[in-house]
Amino acid sequence: VAAQKCRKRKLNAILNLEEDVCNLQTQKESLKKEHSQCSKSINQIKQKLNNLYRDIFSRLRDDQGRPVNPCQYVIHCSSNGSVFIIPKHLAKSEQKQDTRTEQKEK
């Protein structure tokens, strides 16, 4: 009787594990679909952002009325909502400072 109960518990454990595997496979497929949808959304947003970036730079002019070169400048948004056009070399040094600040906070 003890051996039968042991075998029954073992079979129940195996059945529960098989059910868990099925549930996890279903969850995995669901997460893959969600990941794919998120990737598509991210790519669409990136494309829209690139289009906006190009549109903004096509309308910008310097003090002499010449177009601003997007290779030399970047759009910078500050935490208070202000938007600036700054030279790329300044933006890179500012990013380094932000990274250092974030690392110190951690």
Protein backbone atom coordinates (compact mmCIF):
# COMPACT_ATOMS: atom_id res chain seq x y z
CA VAL A 1 0.00 0.00 0.00
CA ALA A 2 2.84 2.39 0.85
CA ALA A 3 4.51 1.64 -2.50
CA GLN A 4 1.22 2.29 -4.33
CA LYS A 5 0.80 5.63 -2.55
CA CYS A 6 4.39 6.54 -3.40
CA ARG A 7 3.85 5.67 -7.08
CA LYS A 8 0.60 7.64 -7.10
CA ARG A 9 2.33 10.70 -5.59
CA LYS A 10 5.11 10.35 -8.15
CA LEU A 11 2.62 10.16 -11.04
CA ASN A 12 0.74 13.17 -9.65
CA ALA A 13 3.99 15.10 -9.39
CA ILE A 14 4.86 14.18 -12.99
CA LEU A 15 1.40 15.22 -14.20
CA ASN A 16 1.68 18.53 -12.34
CA LEU A 17 5.10 19.15 -13.84
CA GLU A 18 3.84 18.35 -17.34
CA GLU A 19 0.98 20.79 -16.81
CA ASP A 20 3.45 23.41 -15.60
CA VAL A 21 5.58 22.84 -18.72
CA CYS A 22 2.53 23.31 -20.96
CA ASN A 23 1.56 26.50 -19.14
CA LEU A 24 5.10 27.84 -19.38
CA GLN A 25 5.27 27.03 -23.11
CA THR A 26 2.02 28.91 -23.63
CA GLN A 27 3.32 31.82 -21.60
CA LYS A 28 6.58 31.77 -23.59
CA GLU A 29 4.70 31.98 -26.89
CA SER A 30 2.57 34.81 -25.54
CA LEU A 31 5.69 36.69 -24.41
CA LYS A 32 7.33 36.15 -27.80
CA LYS A 33 4.29 37.71 -29.52
CA GLU A 34 4.30 40.60 -27.07
CA HIS A 35 8.04 41.12 -27.62
CA SER A 36 7.53 41.14 -31.37
CA GLN A 37 4.73 43.71 -31.08
CA CYS A 38 6.85 45.87 -28.78
CA SER A 39 9.78 45.70 -31.20
CA LYS A 40 7.52 46.79 -34.06
CA SER A 41 6.17 49.66 -31.98
CA ILE A 42 9.66 50.75 -31.01
CA ASN A 43 10.78 50.71 -34.64
CA GLN A 44 7.74 52.76 -35.67
CA ILE A 45 8.41 55.29 -32.92
CA LYS A 46 12.09 55.48 -33.93
CA GLN A 47 11.08 56.12 -37.53
CA LYS A 48 8.65 58.85 -36.48
CA LEU A 49 11.31 60.41 -34.28
CA ASN A 50 13.83 60.36 -37.14
CA ASN A 51 11.27 61.97 -39.44
CA LEU A 52 10.54 64.64 -36.83
CA TYR A 53 14.26 65.22 -36.31
CA ARG A 54 14.81 65.67 -40.06
CA ASP A 55 11.79 67.96 -40.32
CA ILE A 56 13.00 70.15 -37.45
CA PHE A 57 16.51 70.46 -38.87
CA SER A 58 15.18 71.21 -42.36
CA ARG A 59 13.42 74.28 -40.90
CA LEU A 60 16.24 75.54 -38.67
CA ARG A 61 18.50 78.35 -39.79
CA ASP A 62 21.54 79.96 -38.18
CA ASP A 63 22.01 83.70 -37.62
CA GLN A 64 22.96 84.24 -41.28
CA GLY A 65 19.96 82.28 -42.59
CA ARG A 66 21.93 79.17 -43.56
CA PRO A 67 20.50 75.73 -42.76
CA VAL A 68 21.76 74.17 -39.54
CA ASN A 69 23.87 71.07 -40.20
CA PRO A 70 22.31 68.05 -38.39
CA CYS A 71 25.72 66.35 -38.45
CA GLN A 72 27.15 69.05 -36.18
CA TYR A 73 24.19 69.70 -33.85
CA VAL A 74 21.73 67.71 -31.77
CA ILE A 75 18.38 68.50 -30.22
CA HIS A 76 18.61 68.47 -26.45
CA CYS A 77 15.55 68.30 -24.19
CA SER A 78 16.13 69.30 -20.59
CA SER A 79 14.23 67.90 -17.63
CA ASN A 80 12.15 71.08 -17.33
CA GLY A 81 10.84 70.73 -20.91
CA SER A 82 13.15 73.23 -22.58
CA VAL A 83 14.48 72.28 -26.00
CA PHE A 84 17.89 73.43 -27.26
CA ILE A 85 20.01 72.91 -30.34
CA ILE A 86 23.56 72.30 -29.16
CA PRO A 87 26.81 71.22 -30.82
CA LYS A 88 27.37 67.46 -30.72
CA HIS A 89 30.67 67.70 -28.85
CA LEU A 90 28.89 69.50 -26.00
CA ALA A 91 26.10 66.94 -25.95
CA LYS A 92 28.60 64.08 -25.61
CA SER A 93 30.36 65.71 -22.66
CA GLU A 94 26.97 66.40 -21.06
CA GLN A 95 25.96 62.75 -21.49
CA LYS A 96 29.18 61.67 -19.75
CA GLN A 97 28.34 63.97 -16.84
CA ASP A 98 24.78 62.57 -16.65
CA THR A 99 26.16 59.02 -16.63
CA ARG A 100 28.58 59.87 -13.83
CA THR A 101 25.76 61.45 -11.82
CA GLU A 102 23.54 58.40 -12.30
CA GLN A 103 26.37 56.06 -11.23
CA LYS A 104 26.99 58.13 -8.08
CA GLU A 105 23.27 57.95 -7.20
CA LYS A 106 23.33 54.15 -7.43
